[in-house]
Amino acid sequence: MSVHPRSSARRATLRDVARTAGVSLKTASNVLNDSGRMTPQTRQRVQDAIEVLGYTVNSSARSLASGTTHVLSLAVPTLRSPYLSQLAEALIEVARGHGYALQVTTYPEEGHGSRAHLAAVDPRVHDGTLLSMSEHHDLVPADLAVSHPLVCLGSRTTWGLVDRVTTDDVANSAAATELLLATGASRLAVIGAHRQFRSAAVAVEGNAELRLRGIEQACEARGVALEPALVGVTGFDWTIGTGFRSMEALIAQGRRFDAVLGLNDALAIGAISALRAHGLDVPGDVQVVGFDNIDEAAYLSPPLTSVDSNIGWIAETAVVRLIARINGSTEPARTFRRTSAIIERGTTRPRR
């Protein structure tokens, strides 16, 4: 077959490919989609025509024809959080492995940014949405009544209306507490409460409330008191600086404790800095445990003991579930919840 490059004045179409290769439009389409039955010679003629003509798939036209874009949306409250940035990376990789692109966006935590984001999603652009739920926002059931497939990530409830993927915060924090008690701790401090401990009933629970519940349950089971004065309130600012300042405040108040649970790794890292600044040894004087097992945890000195976040499992489960919804699954909404391993490192003593 003799083919000649065509002018660049007009973009080559699939019909041009079929005409150049001397085949039907259906045969050319089958070659592009790696389907249909034909001789190897016919397939090669079409591939030669595609290469010479510089034909590329018109993704917009394909999307209009199929009703899908093969693009997913991920909305997170921030990418400054090491955990959320690592989660976004994992979701991108998993989506790519399933043949989807993933577009990542952030929404403002002032006001009700997650609610506004869900209302603004355009199904013509994204086949489905992954929403990492903000601890700041209290969504209501009506917010989840969207016209596009949706899977939520995080501890906030979805009232059984949409699928949700999360770790078991209560069980995980109870296990972390058990570790500290089993290694000799008896007076536990906690950093990261969103509000004053036991000050009022919480209508909608997030990470902080659930992790505190697990800690309290484990303490009660061992006959150890969790003192409200040793629960540092940080609001929603779970950063290294906040961990440092909260730990400093407990030390300045003369509080006695021999272990610290930072409700995320950043808080734990800040607490370690404050302890060292006051001449306290970790783990000799005070043991420390964090949550999320961010990449940096393994490279601290000493390396941080942390509750793993199950990022790989969360990413795979969420993407697979969303694709199932895109493909028409009508299975009742489910919450996928998994316990995590504790990665024991140098900020805790060996188990007895």
Protein backbone atom coordinates (compact mmCIF):
# COMPACT_ATOMS: atom_id res chain seq x y z
CA MET A 1 0.00 0.00 0.00
CA SER A 2 1.29 3.42 -0.89
CA VAL A 3 0.21 6.25 1.39
CA HIS A 4 1.26 9.87 1.43
CA PRO A 5 1.19 12.39 4.25
CA ARG A 6 -1.77 14.69 3.95
CA SER A 7 -1.85 18.42 4.45
CA SER A 8 -1.89 19.66 8.04
CA ALA A 9 -4.59 22.17 7.11
CA ARG A 10 -7.30 19.80 8.30
CA ARG A 11 -7.21 17.25 11.10
CA ALA A 12 -7.36 13.69 9.79
CA THR A 13 -10.57 11.81 10.54
CA LEU A 14 -11.25 8.12 10.95
CA ARG A 15 -12.99 8.25 7.57
CA ASP A 16 -9.70 9.49 6.04
CA VAL A 17 -7.91 6.55 7.65
CA ALA A 18 -10.44 4.08 6.25
CA ARG A 19 -10.25 5.61 2.76
CA THR A 20 -6.45 5.63 2.73
CA ALA A 21 -6.23 2.03 3.94
CA GLY A 22 -8.91 0.86 1.51
CA VAL A 23 -11.18 -0.54 4.23
CA SER A 24 -14.60 0.21 5.62
CA LEU A 25 -15.13 2.75 8.40
CA LYS A 26 -16.20 -0.14 10.66
CA THR A 27 -12.93 -1.99 10.05
CA ALA A 28 -10.88 1.12 10.83
CA SER A 29 -12.84 1.57 14.04
CA ASN A 30 -12.25 -2.06 14.99
CA VAL A 31 -8.50 -1.59 14.61
CA LEU A 32 -8.57 1.44 16.91
CA ASN A 33 -10.56 -0.47 19.52
CA ASP A 34 -8.57 -3.69 19.07
CA SER A 35 -11.73 -5.60 18.23
CA GLY A 36 -13.29 -7.41 15.29
CA ARG A 37 -11.91 -10.10 12.98
CA MET A 38 -9.59 -9.30 10.07
CA THR A 39 -6.39 -10.49 8.50
CA PRO A 40 -3.07 -9.27 9.93
CA GLN A 41 -2.41 -7.57 6.57
CA THR A 42 -5.63 -5.54 6.82
CA ARG A 43 -4.87 -4.52 10.39
CA GLN A 44 -1.37 -3.43 9.35
CA ARG A 45 -2.72 -1.31 6.47
CA VAL A 46 -4.96 0.57 8.87
CA GLN A 47 -2.13 1.08 11.37
CA ASP A 48 0.12 2.37 8.56
CA ALA A 49 -2.57 4.84 7.49
CA ILE A 50 -3.01 6.05 11.08
CA GLU A 51 0.72 6.69 11.39
CA VAL A 52 1.15 8.45 8.06
CA LEU A 53 -1.95 10.61 8.42
CA GLY A 54 -1.08 11.49 12.02
CA TYR A 55 -4.56 10.49 13.08
CA THR A 56 -5.42 10.97 16.78
CA VAL A 57 -8.64 10.10 18.55
CA ASN A 58 -11.00 13.02 19.03
CA SER A 59 -11.66 12.45 22.73
CA SER A 60 -14.48 15.00 22.84
CA ALA A 61 -16.32 13.26 20.03
CA ARG A 62 -15.73 9.86 21.59
CA SER A 63 -17.08 11.14 24.91
CA LEU A 64 -20.20 12.52 23.26
CA ALA A 65 -20.75 9.24 21.45
CA SER A 66 -20.20 7.03 24.49
CA GLY A 67 -21.66 9.32 27.15
CA THR A 68 -18.51 8.94 29.24
CA THR A 69 -15.29 10.91 29.62
CA HIS A 70 -13.12 8.40 31.51
CA VAL A 71 -12.21 11.27 33.81
CA LEU A 72 -12.85 11.19 37.56
CA SER A 73 -12.82 14.10 39.98
CA LEU A 74 -11.18 14.12 43.41
CA ALA A 75 -12.03 16.97 45.77
CA VAL A 76 -10.01 17.44 48.96
CA PRO A 77 -10.06 20.29 51.49
CA THR A 78 -6.29 20.91 51.12
CA LEU A 79 -3.16 19.44 49.61
CA ARG A 80 -0.95 20.91 52.34
CA SER A 81 -1.74 17.91 54.51
CA PRO A 82 0.86 15.15 53.93
CA TYR A 83 -1.84 12.53 54.34
CA LEU A 84 -4.16 14.08 51.76
CA SER A 85 -1.38 14.65 49.24
CA GLN A 86 -0.30 11.01 49.59
CA LEU A 87 -3.92 9.89 49.26
CA ALA A 88 -4.32 11.95 46.07
CA GLU A 89 -1.19 10.37 44.57
CA ALA A 90 -2.48 6.88 45.37
CA LEU A 91 -5.89 7.60 43.85
CA ILE A 92 -4.30 8.97 40.68
CA GLU A 93 -2.25 5.79 40.27
CA VAL A 94 -5.19 3.47 40.91
CA ALA A 95 -7.48 5.39 38.55
CA ARG A 96 -4.82 5.29 35.83
CA GLY A 97 -4.53 1.54 36.28
CA HIS A 98 -8.26 1.24 35.61
CA GLY A 99 -8.11 3.41 32.49
CA TYR A 100 -9.29 6.67 34.04
CA ALA A 101 -7.69 10.07 34.46
CA LEU A 102 -8.16 11.77 37.81
CA GLN A 103 -8.46 15.53 38.17
CA VAL A 104 -7.69 16.84 41.66
CA THR A 105 -9.17 20.01 43.07
CA THR A 106 -9.43 21.62 46.48
CA TYR A 107 -12.46 23.28 47.97
CA PRO A 108 -12.50 26.08 50.55
CA GLU A 109 -13.05 25.06 54.15
CA GLU A 110 -14.56 28.43 54.97
CA GLY A 111 -18.34 28.27 54.82
CA HIS A 112 -19.51 25.06 53.22
CA GLY A 113 -17.03 24.50 50.40
CA SER A 114 -17.66 20.77 50.06
CA ARG A 115 -21.40 21.38 49.72
CA ALA A 116 -20.81 23.99 47.03
CA HIS A 117 -18.39 21.70 45.21
CA LEU A 118 -20.85 18.82 45.04
CA ALA A 119 -23.55 21.12 43.71
CA ALA A 120 -21.24 22.44 40.99
CA VAL A 121 -19.93 19.12 39.58
CA ASP A 122 -20.69 18.82 35.85
CA PRO A 123 -21.41 15.18 34.82
CA ARG A 124 -20.48 16.09 31.24
CA VAL A 125 -16.90 16.67 32.38
CA HIS A 126 -16.43 13.97 35.02
CA ASP A 127 -17.92 10.49 35.07
CA GLY A 128 -17.87 10.42 38.87
CA THR A 129 -16.59 12.15 41.99
CA LEU A 130 -14.47 11.15 44.96
CA LEU A 131 -14.99 13.49 47.91
CA SER A 132 -12.59 13.59 50.84
CA MET A 133 -14.92 14.96 53.49
CA SER A 134 -13.74 17.97 55.46
CA GLU A 135 -13.69 17.86 59.24
CA HIS A 136 -14.86 21.49 59.14
CA HIS A 137 -18.11 20.83 57.32
CA ASP A 138 -21.26 19.19 58.56
CA LEU A 139 -22.89 17.90 55.40
CA VAL A 140 -26.58 17.10 55.50
CA PRO A 141 -28.31 14.27 53.62
CA ALA A 142 -29.62 16.62 50.93
CA ASP A 143 -26.03 17.55 50.01
CA LEU A 144 -25.40 13.98 48.86
CA ALA A 145 -28.45 13.86 46.56
CA VAL A 146 -26.35 14.51 43.44
CA SER A 147 -26.95 13.47 39.84
CA HIS A 148 -23.53 11.87 39.33
CA PRO A 149 -21.81 8.81 40.87
CA LEU A 150 -20.22 9.74 44.20
CA VAL A 151 -17.99 7.95 46.69
CA CYS A 152 -16.99 9.67 49.94
CA LEU A 153 -13.75 9.21 51.84
CA GLY A 154 -13.40 9.77 55.56
CA SER A 155 -15.00 9.31 58.94
CA ARG A 156 -18.05 11.54 58.50
CA THR A 157 -21.33 9.69 58.03
CA THR A 158 -23.08 9.50 54.67
CA TRP A 159 -26.35 8.19 56.22
CA GLY A 160 -26.28 5.13 53.98
CA LEU A 161 -26.99 7.34 50.94
CA VAL A 162 -23.68 6.97 49.09
CA ASP A 163 -20.69 4.67 49.37
CA ARG A 164 -18.03 5.61 51.91
CA VAL A 165 -14.49 4.30 52.43
CA THR A 166 -12.75 4.85 55.76
CA THR A 167 -10.50 3.34 58.36
CA ASP A 168 -11.89 2.20 61.71
CA ASP A 169 -10.85 5.15 63.87
CA VAL A 170 -12.31 3.75 67.09
CA ALA A 171 -10.64 0.35 66.80
CA ASN A 172 -7.36 1.85 65.58
CA SER A 173 -7.04 4.36 68.40
CA ALA A 174 -7.98 1.69 70.95
CA ALA A 175 -5.16 -0.50 69.61
CA ALA A 176 -2.69 2.40 69.79
CA THR A 177 -3.72 3.02 73.41
CA GLU A 178 -3.32 -0.67 74.21
CA LEU A 179 0.22 -0.53 72.81
CA LEU A 180 1.17 2.33 75.12
CA LEU A 181 -0.40 0.72 78.17
CA ALA A 182 1.29 -2.58 77.35
CA THR A 183 4.69 -0.86 77.21
CA GLY A 184 4.39 0.68 80.67
CA ALA A 185 2.47 3.93 80.17
CA SER A 186 -0.12 4.84 82.78
CA ARG A 187 -0.85 8.58 82.29
CA LEU A 188 -1.80 9.38 78.72
CA ALA A 189 -1.95 12.81 77.11
CA VAL A 190 -3.84 13.37 73.86
CA ILE A 191 -3.30 16.21 71.40
CA GLY A 192 -5.83 17.07 68.69
CA ALA A 193 -9.31 17.32 70.21
CA HIS A 194 -11.58 19.57 68.17
CA ARG A 195 -13.48 20.80 71.22
CA GLN A 196 -13.27 20.58 74.97
CA PHE A 197 -13.26 16.92 75.97
CA ARG A 198 -16.67 15.82 77.33
CA SER A 199 -17.94 19.40 77.18
CA ALA A 200 -20.97 18.62 75.03
CA ALA A 201 -22.60 15.96 72.92
CA VAL A 202 -21.31 15.79 69.33
CA ALA A 203 -24.00 15.41 66.71
CA VAL A 204 -21.68 14.60 63.78
CA GLU A 205 -18.48 12.75 64.56
CA GLY A 206 -15.19 13.05 62.75
CA ASN A 207 -11.67 11.70 63.16
CA ALA A 208 -11.00 13.48 66.45
CA GLU A 209 -14.19 12.35 68.18
CA LEU A 210 -13.88 8.76 67.00
CA ARG A 211 -10.20 8.49 67.91
CA LEU A 212 -10.88 9.94 71.35
CA ARG A 213 -13.67 7.42 71.83
CA GLY A 214 -11.33 4.54 71.06
CA ILE A 215 -8.69 5.89 73.43
CA GLU A 216 -11.23 6.30 76.21
CA GLN A 217 -12.65 2.81 75.68
CA ALA A 218 -9.20 1.22 75.86
CA CYS A 219 -8.35 3.18 79.02
CA GLU A 220 -11.61 2.14 80.68
CA ALA A 221 -11.01 -1.50 79.77
CA ARG A 222 -7.63 -1.36 81.54
CA GLY A 223 -8.87 0.67 84.52
CA VAL A 224 -6.81 3.71 83.53
CA ALA A 225 -8.29 7.20 83.79
CA LEU A 226 -8.11 9.50 80.76
CA GLU A 227 -7.95 12.89 82.41
CA PRO A 228 -9.78 15.71 80.59
CA ALA A 229 -6.97 18.11 81.59
CA LEU A 230 -4.53 16.00 79.55
CA VAL A 231 -6.59 16.23 76.36
CA GLY A 232 -5.19 19.14 74.35
CA VAL A 233 -7.76 21.04 72.28
CA THR A 234 -6.40 22.19 68.90
CA GLY A 235 -9.56 22.78 66.91
CA PHE A 236 -9.11 21.72 63.29
CA ASP A 237 -5.50 22.90 63.02
CA TRP A 238 -3.66 19.58 62.96
CA THR A 239 -0.20 20.89 62.10
CA ILE A 240 3.30 20.47 63.53
CA GLY A 241 3.21 23.97 65.02
CA THR A 242 -0.07 23.29 66.76
CA GLY A 243 1.29 20.03 68.16
CA PHE A 244 4.32 21.88 69.52
CA ARG A 245 2.25 24.63 71.16
CA SER A 246 -0.29 22.24 72.63
CA MET A 247 2.48 20.11 74.14
CA GLU A 248 4.19 23.22 75.49
CA ALA A 249 0.96 24.25 77.20
CA LEU A 250 0.58 20.90 78.96
CA ILE A 251 4.19 21.02 80.13
CA ALA A 252 3.81 24.63 81.34
CA GLN A 253 0.77 23.63 83.38
CA GLY A 254 2.88 21.06 85.21
CA ARG A 255 0.79 18.16 83.97
CA ARG A 256 2.27 14.71 84.55
CA PHE A 257 2.12 12.20 81.73
CA ASP A 258 4.29 9.43 80.35
CA ALA A 259 2.78 8.94 76.87
CA VAL A 260 1.29 11.12 74.14
CA LEU A 261 -1.17 10.23 71.41
CA GLY A 262 -1.10 12.82 68.62
CA LEU A 263 -4.31 12.40 66.63
CA ASN A 264 -2.27 12.72 63.45
CA ASP A 265 1.44 12.46 62.69
CA ALA A 266 1.99 16.21 62.36
CA LEU A 267 0.68 16.79 65.89
CA ALA A 268 2.87 13.96 67.18
CA ILE A 269 5.95 15.40 65.47
CA GLY A 270 5.28 18.82 67.02
CA ALA A 271 4.83 17.21 70.43
CA ILE A 272 8.19 15.43 70.14
CA SER A 273 9.92 18.75 69.37
CA ALA A 274 8.38 20.35 72.46
CA LEU A 275 9.31 17.41 74.68
CA ARG A 276 12.91 17.56 73.50
CA ALA A 277 13.01 21.32 73.99
CA HIS A 278 12.21 20.66 77.66
CA GLY A 279 14.88 17.99 78.03
CA LEU A 280 12.50 15.02 77.99
CA ASP A 281 13.66 11.85 76.27
CA VAL A 282 11.47 10.04 73.71
CA PRO A 283 10.71 7.22 74.43
CA GLY A 284 12.62 7.03 77.73
CA ASP A 285 10.55 9.64 79.57
CA VAL A 286 7.55 9.96 77.27
CA GLN A 287 6.36 7.59 74.54
CA VAL A 288 4.64 9.06 71.45
CA VAL A 289 2.26 7.60 68.87
CA GLY A 290 0.80 9.33 65.81
CA PHE A 291 -1.81 8.48 63.18
CA ASP A 292 -1.60 8.20 59.36
CA ASN A 293 1.94 6.82 58.94
CA ILE A 294 2.95 9.60 56.54
CA ASP A 295 6.14 9.06 54.53
CA GLU A 296 8.20 11.30 56.81
CA ALA A 297 7.38 9.25 59.93
CA ALA A 298 9.99 6.60 59.17
CA TYR A 299 12.80 9.15 58.82
CA LEU A 300 12.49 11.11 62.05
CA SER A 301 14.97 10.68 64.87
CA PRO A 302 13.74 8.56 66.50
CA PRO A 303 11.35 7.22 63.83
CA LEU A 304 7.71 7.76 64.77
CA THR A 305 5.42 4.92 65.81
CA SER A 306 2.21 5.50 63.86
CA VAL A 307 -1.14 3.94 63.05
CA ASP A 308 -1.11 3.15 59.35
CA SER A 309 -3.69 4.93 57.23
CA ASN A 310 -4.39 2.11 54.74
CA ILE A 311 -3.99 4.55 51.85
CA GLY A 312 -3.48 1.80 49.26
CA TRP A 313 -6.62 -0.04 50.33
CA ILE A 314 -8.65 3.19 50.50
CA ALA A 315 -7.58 4.22 46.99
CA GLU A 316 -8.28 0.84 45.38
CA THR A 317 -11.61 0.35 47.14
CA ALA A 318 -12.86 3.86 46.40
CA VAL A 319 -11.93 3.85 42.70
CA VAL A 320 -13.32 0.37 42.07
CA ARG A 321 -16.55 1.28 43.83
CA LEU A 322 -16.90 4.52 41.88
CA ILE A 323 -16.32 2.79 38.56
CA ALA A 324 -18.95 0.21 39.48
CA ARG A 325 -21.43 3.06 40.07
CA ILE A 326 -20.45 4.67 36.76
CA ASN A 327 -21.15 1.35 35.05
CA GLY A 328 -24.64 1.25 36.51
CA SER A 329 -24.36 -0.70 39.78
CA THR A 330 -27.54 -0.33 41.83
CA GLU A 331 -26.24 -2.20 44.88
CA PRO A 332 -27.26 -0.47 48.14
CA ALA A 333 -24.76 2.09 49.41
CA ARG A 334 -22.16 0.64 51.75
CA THR A 335 -19.55 1.83 54.20
CA PHE A 336 -16.21 0.09 53.68
CA ARG A 337 -14.29 0.21 56.94
CA ARG A 338 -10.95 -1.41 57.77
CA THR A 339 -8.72 -1.61 60.82
CA SER A 340 -5.07 -0.61 60.48
CA ALA A 341 -1.72 -1.96 61.57
CA ILE A 342 0.39 -0.06 64.06
CA ILE A 343 3.86 0.56 62.67
CA GLU A 344 6.04 0.33 65.76
CA ARG A 345 9.21 2.41 65.60
CA GLY A 346 11.53 4.27 67.92
CA THR A 347 9.12 6.58 69.78
CA THR A 348 7.62 3.67 71.74
CA ARG A 349 9.30 1.04 73.87
CA PRO A 350 9.19 -2.67 72.97
CA ARG A 351 6.11 -4.52 74.17
CA ARG A 352 6.50 -6.36 77.46
